[in-house]
Amino acid sequence: MRDTRDTTEAQAEQRRHNLINVVFHRADADTAVAWAHLMLTSNAGGSPTVITTGFYAFTLRHAGSE
């Protein structure tokens, strides 16, 4: 199994995970659920290029005073 640090060190270009169109699906006092579209870009070759797109669903939870 390959260590993810090896993969990151081998990448010559910079990649960016751009979360766009973030929508809060539901929320209460302790938890919020958000959805977002992913646009993964790379600067390989000197100009930004979209590598892939995707979808994220994530949960935010209130923890203590944070």
Protein backbone atom coordinates (compact mmCIF):
# COMPACT_ATOMS: atom_id res chain seq x y z
CA MET A 1 0.00 0.00 0.00
CA ARG A 2 1.35 3.41 -0.97
CA ASP A 3 1.74 6.21 1.55
CA THR A 4 -0.22 9.30 0.47
CA ARG A 5 2.81 11.47 1.32
CA ASP A 6 4.71 9.73 -1.50
CA THR A 7 1.97 10.65 -3.95
CA THR A 8 1.89 14.27 -2.81
CA GLU A 9 5.68 14.61 -3.05
CA ALA A 10 5.66 13.11 -6.57
CA GLN A 11 3.16 15.67 -7.91
CA ALA A 12 4.87 18.37 -9.95
CA GLU A 13 1.79 20.57 -10.22
CA GLN A 14 -0.42 22.25 -7.64
CA ARG A 15 -3.94 20.92 -7.24
CA ARG A 16 -6.81 22.81 -5.68
CA HIS A 17 -10.06 21.42 -4.31
CA ASN A 18 -12.53 24.23 -5.00
CA LEU A 19 -15.83 23.87 -3.14
CA ILE A 20 -18.50 25.82 -4.98
CA ASN A 21 -22.24 26.30 -4.61
CA VAL A 22 -22.18 25.49 -0.89
CA VAL A 23 -25.74 25.01 0.40
CA PHE A 24 -26.74 24.36 3.99
CA HIS A 25 -29.24 21.51 3.74
CA ARG A 26 -30.35 21.58 7.37
CA ALA A 27 -29.20 22.95 10.71
CA ASP A 28 -30.09 22.94 14.39
CA ALA A 29 -28.36 24.22 17.54
CA ASP A 30 -25.56 21.61 17.43
CA THR A 31 -25.30 20.31 13.85
CA ALA A 32 -25.40 21.59 10.28
CA VAL A 33 -25.39 19.55 7.08
CA ALA A 34 -23.99 21.20 3.96
CA TRP A 35 -23.70 20.15 0.34
CA ALA A 36 -21.17 21.47 -2.18
CA HIS A 37 -19.90 20.81 -5.67
CA LEU A 38 -16.19 20.02 -6.09
CA MET A 39 -14.10 21.35 -8.93
CA LEU A 40 -10.57 19.86 -8.77
CA THR A 41 -8.08 21.96 -10.74
CA SER A 42 -4.40 21.62 -11.63
CA ASN A 43 -1.83 24.13 -12.88
CA ALA A 44 0.11 21.53 -14.90
CA GLY A 45 1.37 22.99 -18.15
CA GLY A 46 1.21 26.56 -16.85
CA SER A 47 -2.53 27.15 -17.00
CA PRO A 48 -5.37 26.04 -14.75
CA THR A 49 -7.26 22.97 -15.92
CA VAL A 50 -10.28 21.22 -14.44
CA ILE A 51 -9.29 17.62 -13.64
CA THR A 52 -12.60 16.38 -12.31
CA THR A 53 -15.80 17.45 -10.62
CA GLY A 54 -17.73 15.84 -7.81
CA PHE A 55 -20.10 16.31 -4.92
CA TYR A 56 -19.50 16.65 -1.18
CA ALA A 57 -21.96 16.22 1.66
CA PHE A 58 -20.53 17.08 5.06
CA THR A 59 -21.69 17.52 8.63
CA LEU A 60 -20.50 20.26 10.96
CA ARG A 61 -20.88 19.64 14.69
CA HIS A 62 -20.65 22.11 17.54
CA ALA A 63 -17.88 20.94 19.90
CA GLY A 64 -17.53 22.66 23.25
CA SER A 65 -16.95 26.38 22.78
CA GLU A 66 -15.91 25.98 19.13
